[in-house]
C-alpha atoms as a PDB file:
ATOM      1  CA  MET A   1     -10.670 -15.114  19.658  1.00  0.00           C
ATOM      2  CA  PHE A   2      -7.444 -15.064  17.659  1.00  0.00           C
ATOM      3  CA  ILE A   3      -6.653 -18.264  15.740  1.00  0.00           C
ATOM      4  CA  ILE A   4      -3.501 -19.413  13.996  1.00  0.00           C
ATOM      5  CA  GLN A   5      -3.389 -22.369  11.637  1.00  0.00           C
ATOM      6  CA  LEU A   6      -0.316 -24.557  11.391  1.00  0.00           C
ATOM      7  CA  GLY A   7       0.662 -27.666   9.477  1.00  0.00           C
ATOM      8  CA  ALA A   8      -0.855 -29.534   6.592  1.00  0.00           C
ATOM      9  CA  ARG A   9      -4.207 -29.823   8.352  1.00  0.00           C
ATOM     10  CA  ASN A  10      -4.137 -26.163   9.459  1.00  0.00           C
ATOM     11  CA  THR A  11      -4.464 -27.057  13.146  1.00  0.00           C
ATOM     12  CA  CYS A  12      -5.860 -24.108  15.093  1.00  0.00           C
ATOM     13  CA  TYR A  13      -4.471 -22.616  18.297  1.00  0.00           C
ATOM     14  CA  ARG A  14      -5.690 -19.678  20.347  1.00  0.00           C
ATOM     15  CA  LEU A  15      -3.333 -16.794  21.085  1.00  0.00           C
ATOM     16  CA  SER A  16      -3.790 -13.690  23.159  1.00  0.00           C
ATOM     17  CA  GLY A  17      -2.135 -10.455  24.228  1.00  0.00           C
ATOM     18  CA  LYS A  18       1.515  -9.827  23.417  1.00  0.00           C
ATOM     19  CA  LEU A  19       1.955 -13.120  21.539  1.00  0.00           C
ATOM     20  CA  ARG A  20      -1.046 -12.305  19.351  1.00  0.00           C
ATOM     21  CA  ARG A  21       0.412  -8.908  18.419  1.00  0.00           C
ATOM     22  CA  HIS A  22       3.786 -10.502  17.669  1.00  0.00           C
ATOM     23  CA  PHE A  23       2.241 -13.167  15.434  1.00  0.00           C
ATOM     24  CA  THR A  24       0.156 -10.555  13.616  1.00  0.00           C
ATOM     25  CA  SER A  25       3.355  -8.669  12.775  1.00  0.00           C
ATOM     26  CA  VAL A  26       5.133 -11.840  11.651  1.00  0.00           C
ATOM     27  CA  HIS A  27       2.348 -13.143   9.412  1.00  0.00           C
ATOM     28  CA  SER A  28       1.849  -9.702   7.825  1.00  0.00           C
ATOM     29  CA  LYS A  29       5.517  -9.656   6.844  1.00  0.00           C
ATOM     30  CA  MET A  30       5.339 -13.189   5.458  1.00  0.00           C
ATOM     31  CA  VAL A  31       2.314 -12.347   3.334  1.00  0.00           C
ATOM     32  CA  LYS A  32       4.296  -9.461   1.884  1.00  0.00           C
ATOM     33  CA  GLN A  33       7.675 -11.222   1.582  1.00  0.00           C
ATOM     34  CA  GLY A  34       6.772 -14.805   0.638  1.00  0.00           C
ATOM     35  CA  PRO A  35       6.048 -16.087  -2.868  1.00  0.00           C
ATOM     36  CA  ARG A  36       3.330 -14.020  -4.512  1.00  0.00           C
ATOM     37  CA  PRO A  37      -0.018 -15.777  -4.097  1.00  0.00           C
ATOM     38  CA  LEU A  38      -1.830 -16.934  -7.218  1.00  0.00           C
ATOM     39  CA  VAL A  39      -5.423 -15.718  -7.517  1.00  0.00           C
ATOM     40  CA  ILE A  40      -7.636 -17.620  -9.956  1.00  0.00           C
ATOM     41  CA  CYS A  41     -10.971 -16.096 -10.900  1.00  0.00           C
ATOM     42  CA  GLY A  42     -13.657 -17.036 -13.389  1.00  0.00           C
ATOM     43  CA  PRO A  43     -17.328 -17.992 -13.630  1.00  0.00           C
ATOM     44  CA  SER A  44     -18.531 -21.305 -12.277  1.00  0.00           C
ATOM     45  CA  GLY A  45     -18.105 -23.748 -15.159  1.00  0.00           C
ATOM     46  CA  SER A  46     -15.193 -21.892 -16.763  1.00  0.00           C
ATOM     47  CA  GLY A  47     -12.798 -24.785 -16.121  1.00  0.00           C
ATOM     48  CA  LYS A  48     -10.844 -23.317 -13.196  1.00  0.00           C
ATOM     49  CA  SER A  49     -10.833 -26.539 -11.193  1.00  0.00           C
ATOM     50  CA  THR A  50      -9.620 -28.625 -14.123  1.00  0.00           C
ATOM     51  CA  LEU A  51      -6.736 -26.248 -14.832  1.00  0.00           C
ATOM     52  CA  LEU A  52      -5.732 -26.048 -11.180  1.00  0.00           C
ATOM     53  CA  LYS A  53      -5.765 -29.840 -10.814  1.00  0.00           C
ATOM     54  CA  ARG A  54      -3.303 -30.061 -13.693  1.00  0.00           C
ATOM     55  CA  LEU A  55      -1.103 -27.371 -12.153  1.00  0.00           C
ATOM     56  CA  PHE A  56      -1.046 -29.130  -8.766  1.00  0.00           C
ATOM     57  CA  LYS A  57      -0.357 -32.470 -10.454  1.00  0.00           C
ATOM     58  CA  GLU A  58       2.597 -31.185 -12.465  1.00  0.00           C
ATOM     59  CA  PHE A  59       4.028 -29.174  -9.552  1.00  0.00           C
ATOM     60  CA  PRO A  60       2.987 -31.125  -6.411  1.00  0.00           C
ATOM     61  CA  GLU A  61       5.518 -29.379  -4.162  1.00  0.00           C
ATOM     62  CA  THR A  62       4.969 -25.840  -5.432  1.00  0.00           C
ATOM     63  CA  PHE A  63       1.369 -24.880  -4.707  1.00  0.00           C
ATOM     64  CA  GLY A  64      -1.032 -25.066  -1.785  1.00  0.00           C
ATOM     65  CA  PHE A  65      -4.656 -24.047  -1.317  1.00  0.00           C
ATOM     66  CA  SER A  66      -5.699 -21.672   1.437  1.00  0.00           C
ATOM     67  CA  VAL A  67      -8.589 -22.947   3.552  1.00  0.00           C
ATOM     68  CA  SER A  68     -11.499 -20.519   3.712  1.00  0.00           C
ATOM     69  CA  HIS A  69     -13.540 -19.629   6.790  1.00  0.00           C
ATOM     70  CA  THR A  70     -17.314 -19.888   6.748  1.00  0.00           C
ATOM     71  CA  THR A  71     -20.221 -19.502   9.129  1.00  0.00           C
ATOM     72  CA  ARG A  72     -22.324 -22.168   7.419  1.00  0.00           C
ATOM     73  CA  LYS A  73     -22.795 -25.609   8.921  1.00  0.00           C
ATOM     74  CA  PRO A  74     -20.563 -28.455   7.682  1.00  0.00           C
ATOM     75  CA  ARG A  75     -22.044 -30.707   5.023  1.00  0.00           C
ATOM     76  CA  PRO A  76     -21.773 -34.504   5.261  1.00  0.00           C
ATOM     77  CA  GLY A  77     -18.166 -35.557   4.731  1.00  0.00           C
ATOM     78  CA  GLU A  78     -16.673 -32.092   5.293  1.00  0.00           C
ATOM     79  CA  GLU A  79     -13.899 -31.772   7.878  1.00  0.00           C
ATOM     80  CA  ASN A  80     -13.040 -28.667   9.867  1.00  0.00           C
ATOM     81  CA  GLY A  81      -9.653 -27.330   8.803  1.00  0.00           C
ATOM     82  CA  ILE A  82      -9.649 -29.382   5.597  1.00  0.00           C
ATOM     83  CA  HIS A  83     -12.600 -28.213   3.524  1.00  0.00           C
ATOM     84  CA  TYR A  84     -13.314 -25.048   5.549  1.00  0.00           C
ATOM     85  CA  HIS A  85     -12.672 -23.517   8.930  1.00  0.00           C
ATOM     86  CA  PHE A  86     -16.188 -23.593  10.360  1.00  0.00           C
ATOM     87  CA  VAL A  87     -16.674 -20.686  12.763  1.00  0.00           C
ATOM     88  CA  SER A  88     -19.501 -18.836  14.465  1.00  0.00           C
ATOM     89  CA  VAL A  89     -20.943 -15.589  13.128  1.00  0.00           C
ATOM     90  CA  GLU A  90     -19.594 -13.799  16.206  1.00  0.00           C
ATOM     91  CA  ASP A  91     -16.038 -15.066  15.676  1.00  0.00           C
ATOM     92  CA  MET A  92     -16.165 -14.245  11.966  1.00  0.00           C
ATOM     93  CA  GLN A  93     -17.429 -10.720  12.565  1.00  0.00           C
ATOM     94  CA  GLY A  94     -14.808 -10.162  15.243  1.00  0.00           C
ATOM     95  CA  ALA A  95     -12.014 -11.293  12.928  1.00  0.00           C
ATOM     96  CA  ILE A  96     -13.314  -9.000  10.173  1.00  0.00           C
ATOM     97  CA  GLU A  97     -13.306  -6.062  12.587  1.00  0.00           C
ATOM     98  CA  ARG A  98      -9.686  -6.883  13.479  1.00  0.00           C
ATOM     99  CA  ASN A  99      -8.801  -6.805   9.760  1.00  0.00           C
ATOM    100  CA  GLU A 100      -7.749 -10.454   9.743  1.00  0.00           C
ATOM    101  CA  PHE A 101      -9.329 -11.217   6.353  1.00  0.00           C
ATOM    102  CA  LEU A 102      -8.109 -10.459   2.859  1.00  0.00           C
ATOM    103  CA  GLU A 103     -11.615 -10.742   1.426  1.00  0.00           C
ATOM    104  CA  THR A 104     -15.092 -11.681   2.595  1.00  0.00           C
ATOM    105  CA  ALA A 105     -18.443 -12.301   0.964  1.00  0.00           C
ATOM    106  CA  THR A 106     -21.931 -13.449   1.910  1.00  0.00           C
ATOM    107  CA  PHE A 107     -23.857 -16.121  -0.013  1.00  0.00           C
ATOM    108  CA  SER A 108     -27.284 -17.460   0.946  1.00  0.00           C
ATOM    109  CA  GLY A 109     -27.008 -15.879   4.366  1.00  0.00           C
ATOM    110  CA  ASN A 110     -23.612 -17.453   5.144  1.00  0.00           C
ATOM    111  CA  MET A 111     -20.316 -15.595   5.441  1.00  0.00           C
ATOM    112  CA  TYR A 112     -17.147 -16.734   3.677  1.00  0.00           C
ATOM    113  CA  GLY A 113     -13.633 -15.331   3.732  1.00  0.00           C
ATOM    114  CA  LYS A 114      -9.934 -15.863   3.074  1.00  0.00           C
ATOM    115  CA  SER A 115      -7.832 -14.975   6.101  1.00  0.00           C
ATOM    116  CA  LYS A 116      -4.357 -13.498   5.987  1.00  0.00           C
ATOM    117  CA  ARG A 117      -3.149 -16.329   8.224  1.00  0.00           C
ATOM    118  CA  ALA A 118      -4.465 -18.938   5.779  1.00  0.00           C
ATOM    119  CA  VAL A 119      -2.110 -17.475   3.167  1.00  0.00           C
ATOM    120  CA  GLN A 120       0.724 -17.357   5.691  1.00  0.00           C
ATOM    121  CA  CYS A 121       0.223 -21.038   6.556  1.00  0.00           C
ATOM    122  CA  VAL A 122       0.795 -22.032   2.941  1.00  0.00           C
ATOM    123  CA  GLN A 123       3.797 -19.706   2.624  1.00  0.00           C
ATOM    124  CA  ALA A 124       5.254 -21.165   5.839  1.00  0.00           C
ATOM    125  CA  MET A 125       5.387 -24.529   4.058  1.00  0.00           C
ATOM    126  CA  GLY A 126       7.418 -22.907   1.269  1.00  0.00           C
ATOM    127  CA  LYS A 127       4.547 -23.049  -1.201  1.00  0.00           C
ATOM    128  CA  VAL A 128       2.718 -20.586  -3.421  1.00  0.00           C
ATOM    129  CA  CYS A 129      -0.740 -19.947  -2.008  1.00  0.00           C
ATOM    130  CA  VAL A 130      -3.562 -20.431  -4.526  1.00  0.00           C
ATOM    131  CA  LEU A 131      -6.814 -18.548  -3.968  1.00  0.00           C
ATOM    132  CA  ASP A 132      -9.914 -19.343  -6.020  1.00  0.00           C
ATOM    133  CA  ILE A 133     -12.188 -16.348  -5.446  1.00  0.00           C
ATOM    134  CA  GLU A 134     -15.023 -14.351  -6.948  1.00  0.00           C
ATOM    135  CA  ILE A 135     -14.843 -10.921  -8.599  1.00  0.00           C
ATOM    136  CA  GLU A 136     -15.825  -9.044  -5.436  1.00  0.00           C
ATOM    137  CA  GLY A 137     -13.029 -10.817  -3.593  1.00  0.00           C
ATOM    138  CA  VAL A 138     -10.564  -9.838  -6.319  1.00  0.00           C
ATOM    139  CA  LYS A 139     -11.548  -6.199  -5.899  1.00  0.00           C
ATOM    140  CA  GLN A 140     -10.931  -6.424  -2.150  1.00  0.00           C
ATOM    141  CA  ILE A 141      -7.590  -8.185  -2.529  1.00  0.00           C
ATOM    142  CA  LYS A 142      -6.395  -5.598  -5.052  1.00  0.00           C
ATOM    143  CA  ASN A 143      -6.777  -3.022  -2.278  1.00  0.00           C
ATOM    144  CA  SER A 144      -4.638  -5.088   0.108  1.00  0.00           C
ATOM    145  CA  ASP A 145      -0.853  -5.463   0.334  1.00  0.00           C
ATOM    146  CA  LEU A 146      -0.990  -9.092  -0.856  1.00  0.00           C
ATOM    147  CA  ASN A 147       0.433  -8.305  -4.331  1.00  0.00           C
ATOM    148  CA  PRO A 148      -0.886 -11.495  -5.979  1.00  0.00           C
ATOM    149  CA  LEU A 149      -0.693 -12.780  -9.523  1.00  0.00           C
ATOM    150  CA  LEU A 150      -4.205 -12.316 -10.917  1.00  0.00           C
ATOM    151  CA  VAL A 151      -5.504 -14.794 -13.503  1.00  0.00           C
ATOM    152  CA  PHE A 152      -8.943 -14.694 -15.109  1.00  0.00           C
ATOM    153  CA  ILE A 153     -10.299 -17.850 -16.743  1.00  0.00           C
ATOM    154  CA  LYS A 154     -12.774 -16.950 -19.480  1.00  0.00           C
ATOM    155  CA  PRO A 155     -15.207 -19.639 -20.700  1.00  0.00           C
ATOM    156  CA  PRO A 156     -15.612 -20.308 -24.442  1.00  0.00           C
ATOM    157  CA  SER A 157     -19.008 -18.596 -24.462  1.00  0.00           C
ATOM    158  CA  ILE A 158     -22.098 -18.034 -22.329  1.00  0.00           C
ATOM    159  CA  GLU A 159     -23.858 -20.740 -24.347  1.00  0.00           C
ATOM    160  CA  GLU A 160     -21.139 -23.280 -23.572  1.00  0.00           C
ATOM    161  CA  LEU A 161     -21.158 -22.198 -19.933  1.00  0.00           C
ATOM    162  CA  GLU A 162     -24.893 -22.828 -19.742  1.00  0.00           C
ATOM    163  CA  ARG A 163     -24.443 -26.256 -21.327  1.00  0.00           C
ATOM    164  CA  ARG A 164     -21.817 -27.200 -18.739  1.00  0.00           C
ATOM    165  CA  LEU A 165     -23.893 -25.979 -15.808  1.00  0.00           C
ATOM    166  CA  ARG A 166     -26.974 -27.821 -17.021  1.00  0.00           C
ATOM    167  CA  GLY A 167     -24.862 -30.931 -17.481  1.00  0.00           C
ATOM    168  CA  ARG A 168     -23.954 -30.947 -13.801  1.00  0.00           C
ATOM    169  CA  LYS A 169     -27.639 -31.363 -12.878  1.00  0.00           C
ATOM    170  CA  THR A 170     -27.013 -29.577  -9.582  1.00  0.00           C
ATOM    171  CA  GLU A 171     -28.921 -26.352 -10.279  1.00  0.00           C
ATOM    172  CA  THR A 172     -32.551 -25.356 -10.252  1.00  0.00           C
ATOM    173  CA  GLU A 173     -33.637 -23.210 -13.184  1.00  0.00           C
ATOM    174  CA  GLU A 174     -33.694 -20.190 -10.886  1.00  0.00           C
ATOM    175  CA  SER A 175     -30.203 -20.774  -9.491  1.00  0.00           C
ATOM    176  CA  LEU A 176     -28.850 -21.548 -12.965  1.00  0.00           C
ATOM    177  CA  GLN A 177     -30.141 -18.265 -14.381  1.00  0.00           C
ATOM    178  CA  LYS A 178     -28.653 -16.459 -11.393  1.00  0.00           C
ATOM    179  CA  ARG A 179     -25.259 -18.060 -12.068  1.00  0.00           C
ATOM    180  CA  LEU A 180     -25.447 -17.121 -15.749  1.00  0.00           C
ATOM    181  CA  ASN A 181     -26.293 -13.505 -14.941  1.00  0.00           C
ATOM    182  CA  THR A 182     -23.404 -13.411 -12.474  1.00  0.00           C
ATOM    183  CA  ALA A 183     -21.123 -14.944 -15.106  1.00  0.00           C
ATOM    184  CA  LYS A 184     -21.943 -12.170 -17.584  1.00  0.00           C
ATOM    185  CA  VAL A 185     -20.901  -9.557 -15.023  1.00  0.00           C
ATOM    186  CA  GLU A 186     -17.727 -11.502 -14.195  1.00  0.00           C
ATOM    187  CA  ILE A 187     -16.768 -11.884 -17.854  1.00  0.00           C
ATOM    188  CA  GLU A 188     -17.315  -8.176 -18.459  1.00  0.00           C
ATOM    189  CA  TYR A 189     -15.058  -7.253 -15.530  1.00  0.00           C
ATOM    190  CA  GLY A 190     -12.492  -9.934 -16.335  1.00  0.00           C
ATOM    191  CA  SER A 191     -12.187  -8.795 -19.951  1.00  0.00           C
ATOM    192  CA  ILE A 192     -11.198  -5.226 -19.031  1.00  0.00           C
ATOM    193  CA  PRO A 193      -7.451  -4.716 -19.648  1.00  0.00           C
ATOM    194  CA  GLY A 194      -5.536  -4.126 -16.427  1.00  0.00           C
ATOM    195  CA  ASN A 195      -7.933  -5.894 -14.079  1.00  0.00           C
ATOM    196  CA  PHE A 196      -5.883  -9.106 -14.285  1.00  0.00           C
ATOM    197  CA  ASN A 197      -2.284  -9.968 -15.104  1.00  0.00           C
ATOM    198  CA  ILE A 198      -3.498 -12.422 -17.714  1.00  0.00           C
ATOM    199  CA  ILE A 199      -6.798 -13.474 -19.296  1.00  0.00           C
ATOM    200  CA  ILE A 200      -6.946 -17.098 -20.431  1.00  0.00           C
ATOM    201  CA  HIS A 201      -9.725 -17.940 -22.884  1.00  0.00           C
ATOM    202  CA  ASN A 202     -10.432 -21.590 -22.119  1.00  0.00           C
ATOM    203  CA  LEU A 203     -11.432 -22.801 -25.575  1.00  0.00           C
ATOM    204  CA  GLN A 204      -9.449 -26.022 -25.245  1.00  0.00           C
ATOM    205  CA  VAL A 205      -8.152 -27.415 -21.944  1.00  0.00           C
ATOM    206  CA  LYS A 206      -4.682 -28.462 -23.114  1.00  0.00           C
ATOM    207  CA  LYS A 207      -3.915 -25.090 -24.689  1.00  0.00           C
ATOM    208  CA  ALA A 208      -5.429 -23.147 -21.785  1.00  0.00           C
ATOM    209  CA  TYR A 209      -3.370 -25.133 -19.291  1.00  0.00           C
ATOM    210  CA  GLU A 210      -0.163 -24.559 -21.221  1.00  0.00           C
ATOM    211  CA  GLU A 211      -0.888 -20.830 -21.215  1.00  0.00           C
ATOM    212  CA  LEU A 212      -1.551 -20.853 -17.462  1.00  0.00           C
ATOM    213  CA  ARG A 213       1.513 -22.958 -16.686  1.00  0.00           C
ATOM    214  CA  ASP A 214       3.865 -20.890 -18.853  1.00  0.00           C
ATOM    215  CA  PHE A 215       2.644 -17.648 -17.284  1.00  0.00           C
ATOM    216  CA  VAL A 216       2.956 -18.923 -13.718  1.00  0.00           C
ATOM    217  CA  VAL A 217       6.359 -20.562 -14.222  1.00  0.00           C
ATOM    218  CA  LYS A 218       7.784 -17.418 -15.812  1.00  0.00           C
ATOM    219  CA  GLU A 219       6.521 -15.261 -12.942  1.00  0.00           C
ATOM    220  CA  LEU A 220       7.825 -17.640 -10.263  1.00  0.00           C
ATOM    221  CA  GLU A 221      11.216 -17.942 -11.947  1.00  0.00           C
ATOM    222  CA  THR A 222      11.435 -14.145 -11.865  1.00  0.00           C
ATOM    223  CA  GLN A 223      10.657 -14.191  -8.141  1.00  0.00           C
ATOM    224  CA  ARG A 224      13.294 -16.856  -7.563  1.00  0.00           C
ATOM    225  CA  GLU A 225      15.889 -14.770  -9.396  1.00  0.00           C
ATOM    226  CA  GLU A 226      14.974 -11.893  -7.079  1.00  0.00           C
ATOM    227  CA  GLY A 227      15.702 -14.031  -4.007  1.00  0.00           C
ATOM    228  CA  THR A 228      12.310 -15.512  -3.109  1.00  0.00           C
ATOM    229  CA  PHE A 229      12.412 -19.263  -2.459  1.00  0.00           C
ATOM    230  CA  VAL A 230      10.146 -21.041  -4.939  1.00  0.00           C
ATOM    231  CA  ASN A 231      10.179 -24.820  -5.471  1.00  0.00           C
ATOM    232  CA  LEU A 232       9.442 -25.426  -9.151  1.00  0.00           C
ATOM    233  CA  LYS A 233      10.139 -29.164  -9.235  1.00  0.00           C
ATOM    234  CA  ARG A 234       7.978 -30.862 -11.854  1.00  0.00           C
ATOM    235  CA  CYS A 235       6.364 -34.276 -11.560  1.00  0.00           C
ATOM    236  CA  GLU A 236       7.240 -35.660 -14.984  1.00  0.00           C
ATOM    237  CA  ASN A 237       5.064 -37.860 -17.193  1.00  0.00           C
ATOM    238  CA  GLU A 238       1.932 -37.643 -15.071  1.00  0.00           C
ATOM    239  CA  LEU A 239      -0.186 -35.312 -17.168  1.00  0.00           C
ATOM    240  CA  ASP A 240      -2.712 -36.444 -19.714  1.00  0.00           C
ATOM    241  CA  SER A 241      -1.793 -35.461 -23.243  1.00  0.00           C
ATOM    242  CA  SER A 242      -5.384 -34.500 -24.047  1.00  0.00           C
END
């Protein structure tokens, strides 16, 4: 099965044969030629979501999230095509074999992945595609032709990270220790010069956001000067001053 996703809700359609090959060629070119996607990486609890919410709020017409695929069952309140594209193991494996994914990973027996067409859908709306992915996904994407902007969000410290995770009250002691061990590996990789375009040490949200925003705006302005359409319209006076 070959699926394309169109529109704000990423409606899915099935294609086959000659049309499928044509669309594959088109979306591959768009991934290469559209605005460079923005990849955000960092341990759970590093503040990625908070920074991205501010970015989307200040630039509501500039950025769009790609919708991941997963083989897990939907949770209460989750909608297909909004929170995830829920697919069967067979369809996911087939798409992986056809090289339709930029990156894939398996957690708790369920498969997850970012498809090339998910990026294309966001680019087709004239927006910069934002991908929030793990270290292993970053390594895979760096071997693709996506050419993204790579940003690593570093937490203040492991101790502060543990405090935040415990404060959520969503983890067992076992899962929390697993997240902390994973975070140490992620921080080690993220701190190596050259692995990311920029490393943002999130000691204070306001300063970290300003650093993220200034980096992204500068990069997108460069792309615009080179002929890539990028809408950088700001939504004024809507950000908290804290």
